[in-house]
Structure formats: C-alpha cells, structure tokens
C-alpha cells in the first residue's frame, strides 16, 4: 500500500488524505461506548475498552484499505459511483467490525450495538459495493429508529440514532454529487474527443486540399513543359517535391495540434498557386494591420477561397481585400452554385464562429453586381 500511495499523483494522494479525514471524524462517536464502559467494574471495563479499541483500529484499517486495489483490480479512487465491485479483503474487515460491535452485548447490554451504528453505516459505504452499502445503511437506520422507541431508555439512543441517519444521508449525498461529477466529466471527455476529431478532420482537409490542388496543377504544367522547356519543367518538379515535403510537415503539426496558421505564408502560397494556375491575384491590405487573433482565421479563409477558385471557378482574376475586421475574396469565375458547401467551407464557418464572426458567400451573377463570380466574406 505504501508503494501504491507513493506512485499516486498529488491529487490522488490528497483524495486519500481527505477521505481518511472525513471517515475518521466519526471516531468521535466512540465516546458513547467508552463512557458506558467506564461505569463498569474494572474487569468488564478493560474488556469493553479493548473491544472498542479493536473496533477503532479495524474501522480505520477498513477505510484505509478501501483506497487501494486488490491484486487483480485497477486502482479506484472513488467508491460511491457504482464501479466499485465486491472485494473479499474489505468485506471481511466490515464483518470484523460488525462482530466487534455485537461482542459488546455481554458487557454493555443488548442495546450496545446501536452505539456503533454510525461506524457500521460509514464503513459499509467504503467496503461494500454501492447497492449493498446503501441497503445495509438503510437497515441499520431503521433498526436504530425502531430500537430507540422500543428500548427501556429511548432518550439515551435518540442522539446516536440521529447521528446514524445523518451519516447515512451524508453518504447518499456524497453518492449523488460524485455520480453527477463523474457524469459531467464523461460528458466533457466525449465533447473534447469530438471537438478534437473535428479539428483534426477540418485541418487535414484544409491542409491537404490546398496542397494537393497545387501539386496537381504543377504536375500538369510540368507535363506540358517536359518537351518545350525541360529546364522549367525540372523547376516545377522540384517545386512539387518541396510542396509535398512541406505538406507532410504541416500534416504532422496539424495532427499534433502544434500548427499555427501564418497569414503571410498563406498569402505567399496563394500567389504561387495562382501563378501556376495562370490566375491574376491581387492583394489589398497589410498583414501588420490584422489583429493576431484574426490572422489565423484569415489565413484559413484565404487558403480555402483560393483552393476553391483554382478547383471550381474557372476564374482568371481573384482579389483578396483585408481589413482589421474583415477578409473579402472575390473572383470573376462562374460563381458558386446555390447550396454548395463542402467540408472546407463548413470547417471555415466553424473557425469563424469560434471567434464570434460570420461567413458570407455570394454568387455575384445572381446578385445585383454587374460582374460574375463568387464573393467570400469573413467578418469578425
């Protein structure tokens, strides 16, 4: 057990200490059997006090042992959430406590086990499965209530019965709050996993979608130049190799959550991609004027917009306009069809929404604009 405690984290060790302190509070109620034993003849007094001491030691050992796993189980640090299964070692300690309480009958009387009722309720919650502990605790409380009104001196046991019921309902309250905390933790974990999956899927789509589009364009261009201009074809092939290697690095960083999108780099990549696609690109606005929190989403927005322009628009001209709170990408292509929204645009919309902004797509041919094409607006 010492080795297991040494291997535990700080929060786990703190949980053990808090649990032990919480359960040890009830040792104060041993004052009842101790005071009763002090009124006995010396021999009976000695036996009763020894039995009470043995009960205290057994009770503390049972609580302590419950914080550590059996040899065939994994460590459990919570004992009220239904995951805690039956264990012989802690159950036998509970049985020992029960027998020690009954052993006081010859010395303190038939009603003496009621003095140990709060301890039995508490230790049953720590040493038995959840349902077993609750059933036993309820049975002890009912026995105490009935006994308090049927024994010769009921006034002597009303206080201990109230304490027993307080322990029982305290354990029920602990069960509720721990179950609620665990349920919230599981829900938060599920949401975190889902968000991480969405992030990876979104980032991988955006990274690979753009890179593969540029690689395809440069491959076609290199194929056309092999016979006419071998030197330029070799340059395009070298650029393809570099782009592929850069994409592998971006993909690794994206999956690891380490990649930070750089707007300056993205605009340079956009110029390179548009040059390969023979599209005239004009950029208005300075990166230095864009707030840092907006630069990343503007980088993703320009990447997605340029990728779609190259893939789908058939445009010959595209313009990127940046202000501190907006990014506008306009092309003179065929225009985006109604309802068109692929994974990339959905991912971009989520990124923008996370910053409290909005994404707007406009088919200029269907608007009042005299020009044709598509207009993408990111507003923060």
Protein backbone atom coordinates (compact mmCIF):
# COMPACT_ATOMS: atom_id res chain seq x y z
CA UNK A 1 0.00 0.00 0.00
CA UNK A 2 2.91 2.35 0.69
CA UNK A 3 4.23 1.70 -2.81
CA UNK A 4 0.81 2.38 -4.32
CA UNK A 5 0.50 5.63 -2.37
CA UNK A 6 3.98 6.68 -3.49
CA UNK A 7 3.03 6.01 -7.12
CA UNK A 8 -0.14 8.09 -6.85
CA UNK A 9 -0.35 11.62 -8.17
CA UNK A 10 -0.59 14.61 -5.85
CA UNK A 11 -4.35 14.91 -6.40
CA UNK A 12 -4.82 11.18 -5.74
CA UNK A 13 -2.80 11.34 -2.51
CA UNK A 14 -4.80 14.37 -1.48
CA UNK A 15 -8.00 12.41 -2.17
CA UNK A 16 -6.82 9.61 0.11
CA UNK A 17 -5.97 12.05 2.89
CA UNK A 18 -9.30 13.86 2.58
CA UNK A 19 -11.17 10.57 2.54
CA UNK A 20 -9.36 9.35 5.64
CA UNK A 21 -10.00 12.60 7.50
CA UNK A 22 -13.67 12.54 6.52
CA UNK A 23 -14.15 8.96 7.68
CA UNK A 24 -12.11 9.47 10.86
CA UNK A 25 -14.44 12.21 12.08
CA UNK A 26 -16.91 9.55 13.15
CA UNK A 27 -14.40 8.16 15.66
CA UNK A 28 -15.63 10.90 17.99
CA UNK A 29 -18.82 8.87 18.45
CA UNK A 30 -16.79 6.19 20.20
CA UNK A 31 -17.16 8.42 23.24
CA UNK A 32 -20.55 6.75 23.82
CA UNK A 33 -19.26 3.18 24.34
CA UNK A 34 -16.16 4.49 26.15
CA UNK A 35 -18.27 6.43 28.68
CA UNK A 36 -20.53 3.42 29.12
CA UNK A 37 -17.51 1.16 29.72
CA UNK A 38 -16.04 3.49 32.34
CA UNK A 39 -19.07 2.85 34.53
CA UNK A 40 -18.42 -0.93 34.59
CA UNK A 41 -16.36 -2.97 37.07
CA UNK A 42 -12.68 -2.96 36.24
CA UNK A 43 -12.57 -6.36 34.50
CA UNK A 44 -15.63 -5.70 32.32
CA UNK A 45 -14.35 -2.16 31.76
CA UNK A 46 -10.99 -3.45 30.50
CA UNK A 47 -12.58 -5.95 28.11
CA UNK A 48 -15.07 -3.41 26.76
CA UNK A 49 -12.38 -0.76 26.24
CA UNK A 50 -10.13 -3.28 24.45
CA UNK A 51 -13.02 -4.28 22.18
CA UNK A 52 -13.72 -0.61 21.48
CA UNK A 53 -10.04 -0.03 20.66
CA UNK A 54 -10.05 -3.07 18.36
CA UNK A 55 -13.16 -1.70 16.66
CA UNK A 56 -11.48 1.69 16.10
CA UNK A 57 -8.37 0.04 14.62
CA UNK A 58 -10.42 -2.28 12.41
CA UNK A 59 -12.62 0.60 11.24
CA UNK A 60 -9.62 2.75 10.32
CA UNK A 61 -7.91 -0.19 8.58
CA UNK A 62 -11.04 -0.89 6.54
CA UNK A 63 -11.31 2.70 5.35
CA UNK A 64 -7.59 2.83 4.54
CA UNK A 65 -7.63 -0.49 2.71
CA UNK A 66 -10.58 0.57 0.60
CA UNK A 67 -8.44 3.26 -1.04
CA UNK A 68 -6.16 0.65 -2.60
CA UNK A 69 -6.94 -2.06 -5.14
CA UNK A 70 -7.00 -5.78 -4.69
CA UNK A 71 -4.12 -7.53 -6.51
CA UNK A 72 -6.33 -8.30 -9.52
CA UNK A 73 -8.03 -4.89 -9.78
CA UNK A 74 -7.03 -1.49 -11.05
CA UNK A 75 -6.73 1.41 -8.67
CA UNK A 76 -10.03 3.01 -7.73
CA UNK A 77 -10.11 6.39 -6.07
CA UNK A 78 -13.89 6.83 -5.91
CA UNK A 79 -16.12 4.41 -4.08
CA UNK A 80 -19.64 5.71 -4.49
CA UNK A 81 -20.20 5.68 -8.25
CA UNK A 82 -21.18 2.05 -8.78
CA UNK A 83 -17.82 0.99 -10.26
CA UNK A 84 -16.55 -0.43 -7.00
CA UNK A 85 -17.07 -4.20 -7.09
CA UNK A 86 -17.14 -6.79 -4.35
CA UNK A 87 -13.82 -7.45 -2.62
CA UNK A 88 -13.19 -10.10 -0.01
CA UNK A 89 -10.48 -8.20 1.86
CA UNK A 90 -12.55 -5.11 2.65
CA UNK A 91 -15.73 -7.15 3.15
CA UNK A 92 -14.01 -9.30 5.81
CA UNK A 93 -12.89 -6.14 7.59
CA UNK A 94 -16.50 -4.98 7.58
CA UNK A 95 -17.62 -8.35 9.02
CA UNK A 96 -14.95 -7.99 11.73
CA UNK A 97 -16.31 -4.56 12.66
CA UNK A 98 -19.84 -5.95 12.79
CA UNK A 99 -18.76 -8.81 15.06
CA UNK A 100 -16.82 -6.46 17.36
CA UNK A 101 -19.94 -4.33 17.73
CA UNK A 102 -22.01 -7.41 18.65
CA UNK A 103 -19.31 -8.59 21.09
CA UNK A 104 -20.09 -5.63 23.33
CA UNK A 105 -23.53 -7.06 24.19
CA UNK A 106 -22.30 -9.16 27.19
CA UNK A 107 -20.60 -6.08 28.67
CA UNK A 108 -22.67 -3.07 27.67
CA UNK A 109 -26.06 -4.68 27.11
CA UNK A 110 -28.25 -5.78 24.24
CA UNK A 111 -28.66 -2.22 23.04
CA UNK A 112 -24.91 -1.54 22.81
CA UNK A 113 -24.58 -2.21 19.04
CA UNK A 114 -26.58 0.98 18.46
CA UNK A 115 -23.57 2.91 19.77
CA UNK A 116 -21.52 1.59 16.83
CA UNK A 117 -24.23 2.15 14.21
CA UNK A 118 -22.72 5.33 12.68
CA UNK A 119 -19.43 3.50 12.09
CA UNK A 120 -21.13 0.49 10.53
CA UNK A 121 -23.06 2.75 8.14
CA UNK A 122 -19.90 4.65 7.18
CA UNK A 123 -17.66 1.62 6.70
CA UNK A 124 -20.31 -0.25 4.71
CA UNK A 125 -20.17 2.53 2.12
CA UNK A 126 -16.39 2.20 1.84
CA UNK A 127 -16.02 -1.58 1.97
CA UNK A 128 -19.03 -2.93 0.05
CA UNK A 129 -20.46 -2.38 -3.42
CA UNK A 130 -22.69 0.68 -3.79
CA UNK A 131 -26.09 -1.04 -3.60
CA UNK A 132 -25.04 -3.33 -0.76
CA UNK A 133 -23.80 -0.41 1.31
CA UNK A 134 -26.99 1.57 0.77
CA UNK A 135 -29.24 -1.37 1.68
CA UNK A 136 -27.23 -2.14 4.82
CA UNK A 137 -27.13 1.53 5.82
CA UNK A 138 -30.90 1.84 5.45
CA UNK A 139 -31.38 -1.33 7.52
CA UNK A 140 -29.15 -0.01 10.31
CA UNK A 141 -31.02 3.30 10.36
CA UNK A 142 -34.39 1.55 10.58
CA UNK A 143 -33.09 -0.70 13.37
CA UNK A 144 -31.87 2.34 15.28
CA UNK A 145 -35.18 4.17 14.85
CA UNK A 146 -37.23 1.17 15.96
CA UNK A 147 -34.83 0.41 18.82
CA UNK A 148 -34.89 3.99 20.09
CA UNK A 149 -38.63 3.77 20.69
CA UNK A 150 -38.80 0.20 21.97
CA UNK A 151 -35.88 0.04 24.40
CA UNK A 152 -36.19 0.81 28.09
CA UNK A 153 -34.37 4.16 27.84
CA UNK A 154 -35.17 5.53 24.37
CA UNK A 155 -33.90 9.01 25.28
CA UNK A 156 -30.40 7.57 25.61
CA UNK A 157 -30.31 6.50 21.95
CA UNK A 158 -32.16 9.22 20.09
CA UNK A 159 -28.93 11.20 19.65
CA UNK A 160 -26.93 8.27 18.30
CA UNK A 161 -29.82 7.32 16.01
CA UNK A 162 -29.94 10.84 14.61
CA UNK A 163 -26.17 10.68 14.06
CA UNK A 164 -26.54 7.33 12.29
CA UNK A 165 -29.21 8.72 9.96
CA UNK A 166 -27.04 11.79 9.33
CA UNK A 167 -24.15 9.56 8.29
CA UNK A 168 -26.41 7.53 6.01
CA UNK A 169 -27.90 10.55 4.26
CA UNK A 170 -24.47 12.13 4.08
CA UNK A 171 -23.24 9.07 2.19
CA UNK A 172 -26.27 9.27 -0.11
CA UNK A 173 -25.49 12.92 -0.79
CA UNK A 174 -21.86 12.07 -1.49
CA UNK A 175 -23.01 9.36 -3.88
CA UNK A 176 -25.22 11.81 -5.75
CA UNK A 177 -22.58 14.51 -6.09
CA UNK A 178 -19.83 12.09 -7.10
CA UNK A 179 -22.09 10.42 -9.68
CA UNK A 180 -23.01 13.84 -11.01
CA UNK A 181 -19.37 14.89 -11.16
CA UNK A 182 -18.38 11.68 -12.95
CA UNK A 183 -21.24 12.08 -15.44
CA UNK A 184 -20.16 15.65 -16.17
CA UNK A 185 -16.56 14.50 -16.54
CA UNK A 186 -17.57 11.78 -19.01
CA UNK A 187 -19.67 14.26 -20.98
CA UNK A 188 -16.81 16.75 -21.07
CA UNK A 189 -14.44 14.00 -22.23
CA UNK A 190 -16.82 12.93 -25.00
CA UNK A 191 -17.20 16.53 -26.15
CA UNK A 192 -13.45 17.12 -26.05
CA UNK A 193 -12.82 13.99 -28.13
CA UNK A 194 -15.49 15.02 -30.65
CA UNK A 195 -14.07 18.54 -30.90
CA UNK A 196 -10.55 17.19 -31.36
CA UNK A 197 -11.74 14.84 -34.12
CA UNK A 198 -13.50 17.73 -35.84
CA UNK A 199 -10.38 19.89 -35.52
CA UNK A 200 -8.11 17.23 -37.00
CA UNK A 201 -10.58 16.45 -39.81
CA UNK A 202 -11.02 20.14 -40.59
CA UNK A 203 -7.32 20.94 -40.52
CA UNK A 204 -6.30 17.87 -42.52
CA UNK A 205 -8.92 18.70 -45.15
CA UNK A 206 -7.74 22.29 -45.43
CA UNK A 207 -4.04 21.42 -45.47
CA UNK A 208 -4.23 18.53 -47.92
CA UNK A 209 -6.97 20.03 -50.08
CA UNK A 210 -4.93 23.11 -50.91
CA UNK A 211 -1.59 21.32 -51.21
CA UNK A 212 -2.90 18.54 -53.44
CA UNK A 213 -4.64 21.09 -55.67
CA UNK A 214 -1.39 22.98 -56.20
CA UNK A 215 0.55 19.73 -56.70
CA UNK A 216 -1.96 18.63 -59.35
CA UNK A 217 -1.67 21.96 -61.18
CA UNK A 218 2.11 21.95 -61.10
CA UNK A 219 2.21 18.32 -62.24
CA UNK A 220 0.05 19.16 -65.26
CA UNK A 221 2.22 22.18 -66.01
CA UNK A 222 5.43 20.14 -65.69
CA UNK A 223 3.99 17.52 -68.05
CA UNK A 224 3.30 20.18 -70.67
CA UNK A 225 6.77 21.69 -70.31
CA UNK A 226 8.80 18.47 -70.49
CA UNK A 227 9.31 18.74 -74.24
CA UNK A 228 9.04 22.51 -74.72
CA UNK A 229 11.05 23.78 -71.75
CA UNK A 230 12.84 20.98 -69.83
CA UNK A 231 14.59 23.44 -67.51
CA UNK A 232 11.32 24.98 -66.33
CA UNK A 233 9.76 21.52 -66.10
CA UNK A 234 12.55 20.46 -63.75
CA UNK A 235 11.92 23.59 -61.68
CA UNK A 236 8.23 22.74 -61.42
CA UNK A 237 9.05 19.16 -60.40
CA UNK A 238 11.42 20.47 -57.73
CA UNK A 239 8.66 22.79 -56.51
CA UNK A 240 6.27 19.83 -56.37
CA UNK A 241 8.77 17.87 -54.28
CA UNK A 242 9.22 20.79 -51.88
CA UNK A 243 5.47 21.33 -51.61
CA UNK A 244 4.90 17.64 -50.87
CA UNK A 245 7.52 17.68 -48.12
CA UNK A 246 6.10 20.89 -46.66
CA UNK A 247 2.64 19.32 -46.71
CA UNK A 248 3.89 16.29 -44.79
CA UNK A 249 5.33 18.61 -42.14
CA UNK A 250 2.11 20.61 -41.99
CA UNK A 251 0.09 17.43 -41.65
CA UNK A 252 2.22 16.18 -38.77
CA UNK A 253 1.94 19.52 -36.99
CA UNK A 254 -1.80 19.63 -37.61
CA UNK A 255 -2.43 16.17 -36.17
CA UNK A 256 -0.31 17.06 -33.16
CA UNK A 257 -2.20 20.31 -32.65
CA UNK A 258 1.02 22.32 -32.95
CA UNK A 259 0.42 24.12 -36.22
CA UNK A 260 -0.32 27.84 -36.11
CA UNK A 261 -1.57 29.25 -39.41
CA UNK A 262 0.54 32.15 -40.67
CA UNK A 263 -1.22 34.73 -42.85
CA UNK A 264 1.95 36.00 -44.53
CA UNK A 265 2.98 32.47 -45.50
CA UNK A 266 -0.52 31.67 -46.71
CA UNK A 267 -0.65 34.72 -48.96
CA UNK A 268 2.72 33.74 -50.44
CA UNK A 269 1.39 30.23 -51.08
CA UNK A 270 -1.71 31.72 -52.69
CA UNK A 271 0.43 33.76 -55.08
CA UNK A 272 2.43 30.66 -56.00
CA UNK A 273 -0.72 28.59 -56.57
CA UNK A 274 -2.40 31.29 -58.66
CA UNK A 275 0.75 31.72 -60.73
CA UNK A 276 0.76 28.00 -61.51
CA UNK A 277 -2.94 28.17 -62.43
CA UNK A 278 -2.39 31.31 -64.55
CA UNK A 279 -4.74 33.36 -62.37
CA UNK A 280 -4.06 37.02 -61.68
CA UNK A 281 -4.02 37.60 -57.89
CA UNK A 282 -4.21 41.00 -56.25
CA UNK A 283 -3.93 41.54 -52.50
CA UNK A 284 -5.10 44.72 -50.80
CA UNK A 285 -4.28 45.38 -47.16
CA UNK A 286 -1.31 44.78 -44.88
CA UNK A 287 -0.83 41.75 -42.64
CA UNK A 288 0.62 44.00 -39.95
CA UNK A 289 -2.75 45.75 -39.62
CA UNK A 290 -4.60 42.50 -38.85
CA UNK A 291 -5.03 41.58 -35.14
CA UNK A 292 -3.18 38.37 -34.19
CA UNK A 293 -6.38 36.50 -33.29
CA UNK A 294 -7.81 37.31 -36.73
CA UNK A 295 -4.71 36.40 -38.74
CA UNK A 296 -5.14 32.65 -38.26
CA UNK A 297 -8.76 32.55 -39.42
CA UNK A 298 -7.96 34.93 -42.31
CA UNK A 299 -5.16 32.56 -43.32
CA UNK A 300 -7.58 29.62 -43.35
CA UNK A 301 -10.13 31.74 -45.22
CA UNK A 302 -7.71 32.79 -47.96
CA UNK A 303 -6.44 29.21 -48.30
CA UNK A 304 -9.96 27.78 -48.68
CA UNK A 305 -11.05 30.54 -51.05
CA UNK A 306 -8.00 30.22 -53.32
CA UNK A 307 -8.32 26.42 -53.34
CA UNK A 308 -11.96 26.68 -54.46
CA UNK A 309 -11.13 29.33 -57.06
CA UNK A 310 -8.46 27.11 -58.61
CA UNK A 311 -10.56 23.94 -58.45
CA UNK A 312 -14.02 25.07 -59.41
CA UNK A 313 -14.37 28.66 -60.58
CA UNK A 314 -12.53 28.82 -63.89
CA UNK A 315 -11.62 32.39 -62.92
CA UNK A 316 -8.81 34.42 -64.47
CA UNK A 317 -8.67 37.03 -61.74
CA UNK A 318 -9.05 36.97 -57.95
CA UNK A 319 -8.72 39.75 -55.41
CA UNK A 320 -8.10 39.48 -51.66
CA UNK A 321 -9.01 42.51 -49.56
CA UNK A 322 -8.08 42.61 -45.88
CA UNK A 323 -9.04 44.99 -43.08
CA UNK A 324 -8.57 44.51 -39.33
CA UNK A 325 -12.06 43.00 -39.08
CA UNK A 326 -12.81 41.51 -42.49
CA UNK A 327 -11.46 39.36 -45.28
CA UNK A 328 -13.06 39.55 -48.72
CA UNK A 329 -12.05 37.24 -51.58
CA UNK A 330 -13.64 37.96 -54.97
CA UNK A 331 -13.14 36.15 -58.28
CA UNK A 332 -14.55 36.55 -61.79
CA UNK A 333 -15.37 32.89 -62.31
CA UNK A 334 -18.63 31.08 -62.93
CA UNK A 335 -19.97 31.64 -59.42
CA UNK A 336 -20.72 29.26 -56.59
CA UNK A 337 -23.88 27.16 -57.06
CA UNK A 338 -26.76 27.55 -54.62
CA UNK A 339 -26.40 25.34 -51.57
CA UNK A 340 -22.80 24.44 -52.33
CA UNK A 341 -20.94 23.99 -49.06
CA UNK A 342 -18.24 21.36 -48.81
CA UNK A 343 -16.22 20.25 -45.83
CA UNK A 344 -13.76 23.08 -46.28
CA UNK A 345 -16.38 25.82 -46.15
CA UNK A 346 -18.11 24.15 -43.21
CA UNK A 347 -14.80 24.00 -41.37
CA UNK A 348 -14.09 27.65 -42.17
CA UNK A 349 -17.54 28.64 -40.93
CA UNK A 350 -16.83 26.86 -37.63
CA UNK A 351 -13.49 28.61 -37.25
CA UNK A 352 -15.09 32.00 -37.86
CA UNK A 353 -17.97 31.23 -35.49
CA UNK A 354 -15.49 30.32 -32.74
CA UNK A 355 -14.26 33.93 -32.87
CA UNK A 356 -17.80 35.30 -32.85
CA UNK A 357 -17.74 36.21 -36.53
CA UNK A 358 -19.73 35.28 -39.62
CA UNK A 359 -19.02 33.85 -43.06
CA UNK A 360 -20.95 35.01 -46.11
CA UNK A 361 -20.85 33.54 -49.63
CA UNK A 362 -22.35 35.43 -52.56
CA UNK A 363 -22.84 34.37 -56.19
CA UNK A 364 -22.25 37.69 -57.93
CA UNK A 365 -24.07 36.54 -61.07
CA UNK A 366 -27.28 36.17 -59.04
CA UNK A 367 -26.86 39.43 -57.12
CA UNK A 368 -27.20 43.00 -58.30
CA UNK A 369 -23.48 43.13 -59.06
CA UNK A 370 -22.63 43.77 -62.73
CA UNK A 371 -19.78 41.23 -62.53
CA UNK A 372 -19.92 37.45 -62.35
CA UNK A 373 -18.06 35.25 -59.92
CA UNK A 374 -18.04 34.49 -56.20
CA UNK A 375 -17.51 36.70 -53.19
CA UNK A 376 -16.42 35.21 -49.85
CA UNK A 377 -16.59 37.47 -46.80
CA UNK A 378 -15.24 36.75 -43.34
CA UNK A 379 -16.48 39.33 -40.84
CA UNK A 380 -15.15 39.47 -37.27
